[in-house]
Amino acid sequence: MIYVREFEFYSSDDYMLAVPCDMSGGTFGATLEEAAESAADWLFETITDHLIANEVVPGGELGHEPVRNGKVIAIVVKYPSERAKRP
């Protein structure tokens, strides 16, 4: 199964922050590329946490506009379907 979530990426204090548009939390990196990779890792772990807790994964709407003068970029992670079926 794939999950697509949009993140807004913007600079702050010499870091590139990655904030999900319709979820709470976020991450960062030294560059846009590092922040995007970190966002993918963050998203995978967040999905794992929600599935382990038998909760619906929040978010998923697309088409967000930047609210912090940044760039909105869709991050996609593939989640192994056999992991999603575990209790």
PDB file of N, CA and C in Angstrom:
ATOM      1  N   MET A   1       0.841  -1.157   0.000  1.00  0.00           N
ATOM      2  CA  MET A   1       0.000   0.000   0.000  1.00  0.00           C
ATOM      3  C   MET A   1       0.900   1.239   0.000  1.00  0.00           C
ATOM      4  N   ILE A   2       0.472   2.284  -0.710  1.00  0.00           N
ATOM      5  CA  ILE A   2       1.235   3.523  -0.690  1.00  0.00           C
ATOM      6  C   ILE A   2       0.464   4.594   0.072  1.00  0.00           C
ATOM      7  N   TYR A   3       1.214   5.478   0.689  1.00  0.00           N
ATOM      8  CA  TYR A   3       0.659   6.626   1.398  1.00  0.00           C
ATOM      9  C   TYR A   3       1.288   7.880   0.804  1.00  0.00           C
ATOM     10  N   VAL A   4       0.451   8.847   0.469  1.00  0.00           N
ATOM     11  CA  VAL A   4       0.904  10.125  -0.074  1.00  0.00           C
ATOM     12  C   VAL A   4       0.478  11.211   0.898  1.00  0.00           C
ATOM     13  N   ARG A   5       1.427  12.002   1.334  1.00  0.00           N
ATOM     14  CA  ARG A   5       1.136  13.131   2.217  1.00  0.00           C
ATOM     15  C   ARG A   5       1.937  14.326   1.738  1.00  0.00           C
ATOM     16  N   GLU A   6       1.334  15.489   1.806  1.00  0.00           N
ATOM     17  CA  GLU A   6       2.036  16.692   1.418  1.00  0.00           C
ATOM     18  C   GLU A   6       2.703  17.326   2.633  1.00  0.00           C
ATOM     19  N   PHE A   7       3.905  17.815   2.408  1.00  0.00           N
ATOM     20  CA  PHE A   7       4.685  18.511   3.425  1.00  0.00           C
ATOM     21  C   PHE A   7       5.031  19.889   2.882  1.00  0.00           C
ATOM     22  N   GLU A   8       5.063  20.868   3.776  1.00  0.00           N
ATOM     23  CA  GLU A   8       5.593  22.160   3.380  1.00  0.00           C
ATOM     24  C   GLU A   8       7.045  22.226   3.846  1.00  0.00           C
ATOM     25  N   PHE A   9       7.922  22.545   2.914  1.00  0.00           N
ATOM     26  CA  PHE A   9       9.350  22.662   3.191  1.00  0.00           C
ATOM     27  C   PHE A   9       9.713  24.139   3.171  1.00  0.00           C
ATOM     28  N   TYR A  10      10.384  24.590   4.235  1.00  0.00           N
ATOM     29  CA  TYR A  10      10.800  25.990   4.304  1.00  0.00           C
ATOM     30  C   TYR A  10      12.037  26.123   5.182  1.00  0.00           C
ATOM     31  N   SER A  11      12.805  27.185   4.944  1.00  0.00           N
ATOM     32  CA  SER A  11      14.053  27.421   5.677  1.00  0.00           C
ATOM     33  C   SER A  11      13.790  28.116   7.001  1.00  0.00           C
ATOM     34  N   SER A  12      14.565  27.702   8.007  1.00  0.00           N
ATOM     35  CA  SER A  12      14.525  28.344   9.319  1.00  0.00           C
ATOM     36  C   SER A  12      15.833  28.043  10.039  1.00  0.00           C
ATOM     37  N   ASP A  13      16.532  29.096  10.434  1.00  0.00           N
ATOM     38  CA  ASP A  13      17.776  28.944  11.205  1.00  0.00           C
ATOM     39  C   ASP A  13      18.757  27.961  10.566  1.00  0.00           C
ATOM     40  N   ASP A  14      19.006  28.131   9.283  1.00  0.00           N
ATOM     41  CA  ASP A  14      19.969  27.313   8.538  1.00  0.00           C
ATOM     42  C   ASP A  14      19.557  25.853   8.367  1.00  0.00           C
ATOM     43  N   TYR A  15      18.310  25.528   8.605  1.00  0.00           N
ATOM     44  CA  TYR A  15      17.783  24.185   8.372  1.00  0.00           C
ATOM     45  C   TYR A  15      16.605  24.274   7.427  1.00  0.00           C
ATOM     46  N   MET A  16      16.302  23.160   6.769  1.00  0.00           N
ATOM     47  CA  MET A  16      15.106  23.047   5.960  1.00  0.00           C
ATOM     48  C   MET A  16      14.115  22.228   6.768  1.00  0.00           C
ATOM     49  N   LEU A  17      13.011  22.851   7.146  1.00  0.00           N
ATOM     50  CA  LEU A  17      11.991  22.171   7.919  1.00  0.00           C
ATOM     51  C   LEU A  17      10.989  21.509   6.983  1.00  0.00           C
ATOM     52  N   ALA A  18      10.430  20.384   7.433  1.00  0.00           N
ATOM     53  CA  ALA A  18       9.414  19.651   6.682  1.00  0.00           C
ATOM     54  C   ALA A  18       8.229  19.432   7.614  1.00  0.00           C
ATOM     55  N   VAL A  19       7.132  20.127   7.332  1.00  0.00           N
ATOM     56  CA  VAL A  19       5.953  20.070   8.187  1.00  0.00           C
ATOM     57  C   VAL A  19       4.803  19.478   7.380  1.00  0.00           C
ATOM     58  N   PRO A  20       4.206  18.370   7.851  1.00  0.00           N
ATOM     59  CA  PRO A  20       3.091  17.791   7.110  1.00  0.00           C
ATOM     60  C   PRO A  20       1.907  18.749   7.085  1.00  0.00           C
ATOM     61  N   CYS A  21       1.239  18.826   5.936  1.00  0.00           N
ATOM     62  CA  CYS A  21       0.163  19.801   5.765  1.00  0.00           C
ATOM     63  C   CYS A  21      -1.097  19.445   6.538  1.00  0.00           C
ATOM     64  N   ASP A  22      -1.394  18.180   6.714  1.00  0.00           N
ATOM     65  CA  ASP A  22      -2.632  17.826   7.414  1.00  0.00           C
ATOM     66  C   ASP A  22      -2.415  16.740   8.465  1.00  0.00           C
ATOM     67  N   MET A  23      -1.267  16.798   9.099  1.00  0.00           N
ATOM     68  CA  MET A  23      -0.941  15.914  10.211  1.00  0.00           C
ATOM     69  C   MET A  23      -0.124  16.747  11.198  1.00  0.00           C
ATOM     70  N   SER A  24      -0.011  16.293  12.417  1.00  0.00           N
ATOM     71  CA  SER A  24       0.835  17.005  13.375  1.00  0.00           C
ATOM     72  C   SER A  24       2.232  16.394  13.365  1.00  0.00           C
ATOM     73  N   GLY A  25       3.216  17.207  13.715  1.00  0.00           N
ATOM     74  CA  GLY A  25       4.587  16.726  13.776  1.00  0.00           C
ATOM     75  C   GLY A  25       5.439  17.388  12.728  1.00  0.00           C
ATOM     76  N   GLY A  26       6.538  16.747  12.382  1.00  0.00           N
ATOM     77  CA  GLY A  26       7.427  17.264  11.365  1.00  0.00           C
ATOM     78  C   GLY A  26       8.857  16.837  11.602  1.00  0.00           C
ATOM     79  N   THR A  27       9.726  17.282  10.704  1.00  0.00           N
ATOM     80  CA  THR A  27      11.127  16.908  10.772  1.00  0.00           C
ATOM     81  C   THR A  27      11.953  17.976  10.047  1.00  0.00           C
ATOM     82  N   PHE A  28      13.229  17.714   9.804  1.00  0.00           N
ATOM     83  CA  PHE A  28      14.088  18.717   9.178  1.00  0.00           C
ATOM     84  C   PHE A  28      15.317  18.054   8.575  1.00  0.00           C
ATOM     85  N   GLY A  29      16.078  18.845   7.840  1.00  0.00           N
ATOM     86  CA  GLY A  29      17.348  18.415   7.286  1.00  0.00           C
ATOM     87  C   GLY A  29      18.192  19.625   6.979  1.00  0.00           C
ATOM     88  N   ALA A  30      19.447  19.403   6.647  1.00  0.00           N
ATOM     89  CA  ALA A  30      20.352  20.507   6.314  1.00  0.00           C
ATOM     90  C   ALA A  30      20.048  21.064   4.929  1.00  0.00           C
ATOM     91  N   THR A  31      19.512  20.220   4.037  1.00  0.00           N
ATOM     92  CA  THR A  31      19.167  20.617   2.672  1.00  0.00           C
ATOM     93  C   THR A  31      17.749  20.139   2.376  1.00  0.00           C
ATOM     94  N   LEU A  32      17.206  20.590   1.255  1.00  0.00           N
ATOM     95  CA  LEU A  32      15.877  20.125   0.848  1.00  0.00           C
ATOM     96  C   LEU A  32      15.872  18.610   0.652  1.00  0.00           C
ATOM     97  N   GLU A  33      16.901  18.088   0.036  1.00  0.00           N
ATOM     98  CA  GLU A  33      16.983  16.647  -0.207  1.00  0.00           C
ATOM     99  C   GLU A  33      17.007  15.863   1.105  1.00  0.00           C
ATOM    100  N   GLU A  34      17.812  16.328   2.067  1.00  0.00           N
ATOM    101  CA  GLU A  34      17.862  15.656   3.370  1.00  0.00           C
ATOM    102  C   GLU A  34      16.532  15.770   4.097  1.00  0.00           C
ATOM    103  N   ALA A  35      15.891  16.922   4.002  1.00  0.00           N
ATOM    104  CA  ALA A  35      14.596  17.104   4.662  1.00  0.00           C
ATOM    105  C   ALA A  35      13.537  16.214   4.021  1.00  0.00           C
ATOM    106  N   ALA A  36      13.581  16.040   2.699  1.00  0.00           N
ATOM    107  CA  ALA A  36      12.623  15.171   2.019  1.00  0.00           C
ATOM    108  C   ALA A  36      12.834  13.711   2.425  1.00  0.00           C
ATOM    109  N   GLU A  37      14.093  13.299   2.524  1.00  0.00           N
ATOM    110  CA  GLU A  37      14.387  11.931   2.976  1.00  0.00           C
ATOM    111  C   GLU A  37      13.934  11.736   4.417  1.00  0.00           C
ATOM    112  N   SER A  38      14.167  12.722   5.253  1.00  0.00           N
ATOM    113  CA  SER A  38      13.735  12.670   6.650  1.00  0.00           C
ATOM    114  C   SER A  38      12.208  12.647   6.739  1.00  0.00           C
ATOM    115  N   ALA A  39      11.538  13.390   5.867  1.00  0.00           N
ATOM    116  CA  ALA A  39      10.070  13.397   5.849  1.00  0.00           C
ATOM    117  C   ALA A  39       9.529  12.017   5.479  1.00  0.00           C
ATOM    118  N   ALA A  40      10.180  11.349   4.534  1.00  0.00           N
ATOM    119  CA  ALA A  40       9.755   9.998   4.157  1.00  0.00           C
ATOM    120  C   ALA A  40       9.935   9.026   5.324  1.00  0.00           C
ATOM    121  N   ASP A  41      11.067   9.118   6.010  1.00  0.00           N
ATOM    122  CA  ASP A  41      11.297   8.270   7.191  1.00  0.00           C
ATOM    123  C   ASP A  41      10.268   8.573   8.277  1.00  0.00           C
ATOM    124  N   TRP A  42      10.022   9.863   8.522  1.00  0.00           N
ATOM    125  CA  TRP A  42       9.048  10.280   9.539  1.00  0.00           C
ATOM    126  C   TRP A  42       7.667   9.745   9.191  1.00  0.00           C
ATOM    127  N   LEU A  43       7.281   9.863   7.920  1.00  0.00           N
ATOM    128  CA  LEU A  43       5.969   9.394   7.494  1.00  0.00           C
ATOM    129  C   LEU A  43       5.837   7.883   7.679  1.00  0.00           C
ATOM    130  N   PHE A  44       6.864   7.131   7.307  1.00  0.00           N
ATOM    131  CA  PHE A  44       6.826   5.673   7.464  1.00  0.00           C
ATOM    132  C   PHE A  44       6.649   5.292   8.935  1.00  0.00           C
ATOM    133  N   GLU A  45       7.411   5.917   9.806  1.00  0.00           N
ATOM    134  CA  GLU A  45       7.323   5.605  11.237  1.00  0.00           C
ATOM    135  C   GLU A  45       5.973   6.034  11.825  1.00  0.00           C
ATOM    136  N   THR A  46       5.450   7.155  11.366  1.00  0.00           N
ATOM    137  CA  THR A  46       4.139   7.619  11.834  1.00  0.00           C
ATOM    138  C   THR A  46       3.044   6.655  11.395  1.00  0.00           C
ATOM    139  N   ILE A  47       3.118   6.186  10.170  1.00  0.00           N
ATOM    140  CA  ILE A  47       2.159   5.186   9.679  1.00  0.00           C
ATOM    141  C   ILE A  47       2.257   3.932  10.525  1.00  0.00           C
ATOM    142  N   THR A  48       3.473   3.479  10.784  1.00  0.00           N
ATOM    143  CA  THR A  48       3.675   2.285  11.605  1.00  0.00           C
ATOM    144  C   THR A  48       3.030   2.445  12.975  1.00  0.00           C
ATOM    145  N   ASP A  49       3.262   3.581  13.615  1.00  0.00           N
ATOM    146  CA  ASP A  49       2.682   3.826  14.942  1.00  0.00           C
ATOM    147  C   ASP A  49       1.163   3.749  14.917  1.00  0.00           C
ATOM    148  N   HIS A  50       0.542   4.357  13.918  1.00  0.00           N
ATOM    149  CA  HIS A  50      -0.924   4.348  13.840  1.00  0.00           C
ATOM    150  C   HIS A  50      -1.461   2.951  13.548  1.00  0.00           C
ATOM    151  N   LEU A  51      -0.802   2.217  12.670  1.00  0.00           N
ATOM    152  CA  LEU A  51      -1.286   0.868  12.350  1.00  0.00           C
ATOM    153  C   LEU A  51      -1.111  -0.087  13.533  1.00  0.00           C
ATOM    154  N   ILE A  52       0.000   0.029  14.255  1.00  0.00           N
ATOM    155  CA  ILE A  52       0.208  -0.807  15.438  1.00  0.00           C
ATOM    156  C   ILE A  52      -0.873  -0.539  16.474  1.00  0.00           C
ATOM    157  N   ALA A  53      -1.270   0.733  16.600  1.00  0.00           N
ATOM    158  CA  ALA A  53      -2.313   1.117  17.560  1.00  0.00           C
ATOM    159  C   ALA A  53      -3.715   0.866  17.000  1.00  0.00           C
ATOM    160  N   ASN A  54      -3.781   0.277  15.798  1.00  0.00           N
ATOM    161  CA  ASN A  54      -5.059  -0.020  15.148  1.00  0.00           C
ATOM    162  C   ASN A  54      -5.869   1.264  14.922  1.00  0.00           C
ATOM    163  N   GLU A  55      -5.169   2.345  14.550  1.00  0.00           N
ATOM    164  CA  GLU A  55      -5.790   3.643  14.297  1.00  0.00           C
ATOM    165  C   GLU A  55      -5.742   3.973  12.807  1.00  0.00           C
ATOM    166  N   VAL A  56      -6.639   4.823  12.388  1.00  0.00           N
ATOM    167  CA  VAL A  56      -6.617   5.317  11.013  1.00  0.00           C
ATOM    168  C   VAL A  56      -5.448   6.292  10.879  1.00  0.00           C
ATOM    169  N   VAL A  57      -4.717   6.175   9.793  1.00  0.00           N
ATOM    170  CA  VAL A  57      -3.606   7.100   9.537  1.00  0.00           C
ATOM    171  C   VAL A  57      -4.215   8.439   9.125  1.00  0.00           C
ATOM    172  N   PRO A  58      -3.879   9.521   9.833  1.00  0.00           N
ATOM    173  CA  PRO A  58      -4.482  10.818   9.520  1.00  0.00           C
ATOM    174  C   PRO A  58      -3.962  11.412   8.212  1.00  0.00           C
ATOM    175  N   GLY A  59      -4.648  12.439   7.757  1.00  0.00           N
ATOM    176  CA  GLY A  59      -4.215  13.185   6.584  1.00  0.00           C
ATOM    177  C   GLY A  59      -4.553  12.484   5.294  1.00  0.00           C
ATOM    178  N   GLY A  60      -4.007  13.014   4.231  1.00  0.00           N
ATOM    179  CA  GLY A  60      -4.175  12.404   2.923  1.00  0.00           C
ATOM    180  C   GLY A  60      -4.782  13.302   1.871  1.00  0.00           C
ATOM    181  N   GLU A  61      -5.263  14.484   2.265  1.00  0.00           N
ATOM    182  CA  GLU A  61      -5.784  15.400   1.262  1.00  0.00           C
ATOM    183  C   GLU A  61      -4.619  16.015   0.492  1.00  0.00           C
ATOM    184  N   LEU A  62      -4.847  16.272  -0.779  1.00  0.00           N
ATOM    185  CA  LEU A  62      -3.816  16.864  -1.625  1.00  0.00           C
ATOM    186  C   LEU A  62      -4.275  18.235  -2.111  1.00  0.00           C
ATOM    187  N   GLY A  63      -3.329  19.019  -2.568  1.00  0.00           N
ATOM    188  CA  GLY A  63      -3.647  20.327  -3.112  1.00  0.00           C
ATOM    189  C   GLY A  63      -3.446  21.471  -2.140  1.00  0.00           C
ATOM    190  N   HIS A  64      -2.615  21.277  -1.125  1.00  0.00           N
ATOM    191  CA  HIS A  64      -2.363  22.323  -0.139  1.00  0.00           C
ATOM    192  C   HIS A  64      -1.536  23.460  -0.728  1.00  0.00           C
ATOM    193  N   GLU A  65      -1.761  24.633  -0.212  1.00  0.00           N
ATOM    194  CA  GLU A  65      -0.971  25.815  -0.551  1.00  0.00           C
ATOM    195  C   GLU A  65      -0.018  26.097   0.617  1.00  0.00           C
ATOM    196  N   PRO A  66       1.145  26.646   0.333  1.00  0.00           N
ATOM    197  CA  PRO A  66       2.078  26.978   1.410  1.00  0.00           C
ATOM    198  C   PRO A  66       1.466  28.007   2.371  1.00  0.00           C
ATOM    199  N   VAL A  67       1.745  27.826   3.669  1.00  0.00           N
ATOM    200  CA  VAL A  67       1.301  28.793   4.675  1.00  0.00           C
ATOM    201  C   VAL A  67       2.500  29.459   5.352  1.00  0.00           C
ATOM    202  N   ARG A  68       3.708  28.987   5.059  1.00  0.00           N
ATOM    203  CA  ARG A  68       4.930  29.523   5.672  1.00  0.00           C
ATOM    204  C   ARG A  68       5.912  30.033   4.620  1.00  0.00           C
ATOM    205  N   ASN A  69       5.404  30.392   3.445  1.00  0.00           N
ATOM    206  CA  ASN A  69       6.244  30.875   2.352  1.00  0.00           C
ATOM    207  C   ASN A  69       7.199  29.813   1.831  1.00  0.00           C
ATOM    208  N   GLY A  70       6.837  28.537   1.973  1.00  0.00           N
ATOM    209  CA  GLY A  70       7.698  27.452   1.530  1.00  0.00           C
ATOM    210  C   GLY A  70       7.200  26.810   0.252  1.00  0.00           C
ATOM    211  N   LYS A  71       7.610  25.559   0.047  1.00  0.00           N
ATOM    212  CA  LYS A  71       7.201  24.749  -1.098  1.00  0.00           C
ATOM    213  C   LYS A  71       6.441  23.547  -0.570  1.00  0.00           C
ATOM    214  N   VAL A  72       5.296  23.250  -1.173  1.00  0.00           N
ATOM    215  CA  VAL A  72       4.554  22.048  -0.813  1.00  0.00           C
ATOM    216  C   VAL A  72       4.966  20.940  -1.775  1.00  0.00           C
ATOM    217  N   ILE A  73       5.423  19.836  -1.192  1.00  0.00           N
ATOM    218  CA  ILE A  73       5.899  18.695  -1.968  1.00  0.00           C
ATOM    219  C   ILE A  73       5.232  17.434  -1.430  1.00  0.00           C
ATOM    220  N   ALA A  74       4.751  16.605  -2.344  1.00  0.00           N
ATOM    221  CA  ALA A  74       4.149  15.328  -1.951  1.00  0.00           C
ATOM    222  C   ALA A  74       5.258  14.314  -1.678  1.00  0.00           C
ATOM    223  N   ILE A  75       5.142  13.643  -0.546  1.00  0.00           N
ATOM    224  CA  ILE A  75       6.071  12.570  -0.171  1.00  0.00           C
ATOM    225  C   ILE A  75       5.273  11.267  -0.214  1.00  0.00           C
ATOM    226  N   VAL A  76       5.842  10.264  -0.854  1.00  0.00           N
ATOM    227  CA  VAL A  76       5.172   8.980  -1.020  1.00  0.00           C
ATOM    228  C   VAL A  76       6.018   7.901  -0.361  1.00  0.00           C
ATOM    229  N   VAL A  77       5.383   7.065   0.451  1.00  0.00           N
ATOM    230  CA  VAL A  77       6.073   5.906   1.007  1.00  0.00           C
ATOM    231  C   VAL A  77       5.252   4.659   0.695  1.00  0.00           C
ATOM    232  N   LYS A  78       5.965   3.592   0.439  1.00  0.00           N
ATOM    233  CA  LYS A  78       5.315   2.307   0.216  1.00  0.00           C
ATOM    234  C   LYS A  78       5.385   1.532   1.513  1.00  0.00           C
ATOM    235  N   TYR A  79       4.231   1.113   1.981  1.00  0.00           N
ATOM    236  CA  TYR A  79       4.165   0.373   3.234  1.00  0.00           C
ATOM    237  C   TYR A  79       3.838  -1.076   2.907  1.00  0.00           C
ATOM    238  N   PRO A  80       4.665  -2.025   3.334  1.00  0.00           N
ATOM    239  CA  PRO A  80       4.416  -3.429   3.017  1.00  0.00           C
ATOM    240  C   PRO A  80       3.056  -3.885   3.525  1.00  0.00           C
ATOM    241  N   SER A  81       2.241  -4.427   2.643  1.00  0.00           N
ATOM    242  CA  SER A  81       0.878  -4.804   3.027  1.00  0.00           C
ATOM    243  C   SER A  81       0.867  -5.882   4.107  1.00  0.00           C
ATOM    244  N   GLU A  82       1.870  -6.742   4.158  1.00  0.00           N
ATOM    245  CA  GLU A  82       1.895  -7.770   5.205  1.00  0.00           C
ATOM    246  C   GLU A  82       2.094  -7.142   6.593  1.00  0.00           C
ATOM    247  N   ARG A  83       2.799  -6.021   6.670  1.00  0.00           N
ATOM    248  CA  ARG A  83       2.968  -5.313   7.949  1.00  0.00           C
ATOM    249  C   ARG A  83       1.660  -4.649   8.367  1.00  0.00           C
ATOM    250  N   ALA A  84       0.922  -4.162   7.397  1.00  0.00           N
ATOM    251  CA  ALA A  84      -0.345  -3.467   7.699  1.00  0.00           C
ATOM    252  C   ALA A  84      -1.392  -4.425   8.247  1.00  0.00           C
ATOM    253  N   LYS A  85      -1.249  -5.724   7.956  1.00  0.00           N
ATOM    254  CA  LYS A  85      -2.240  -6.699   8.408  1.00  0.00           C
ATOM    255  C   LYS A  85      -1.967  -7.226   9.812  1.00  0.00           C
ATOM    256  N   ARG A  86      -0.769  -6.962  10.349  1.00  0.00           N
ATOM    257  CA  ARG A  86      -0.446  -7.451  11.689  1.00  0.00           C
ATOM    258  C   ARG A  86      -1.293  -6.763  12.738  1.00  0.00           C
ATOM    259  N   PRO A  87      -1.650  -7.526  13.794  1.00  0.00           N
ATOM    260  CA  PRO A  87      -2.435  -6.899  14.873  1.00  0.00           C
ATOM    261  C   PRO A  87      -1.608  -5.951  15.701  1.00  0.00           C
TER     262      PRO A  87
END
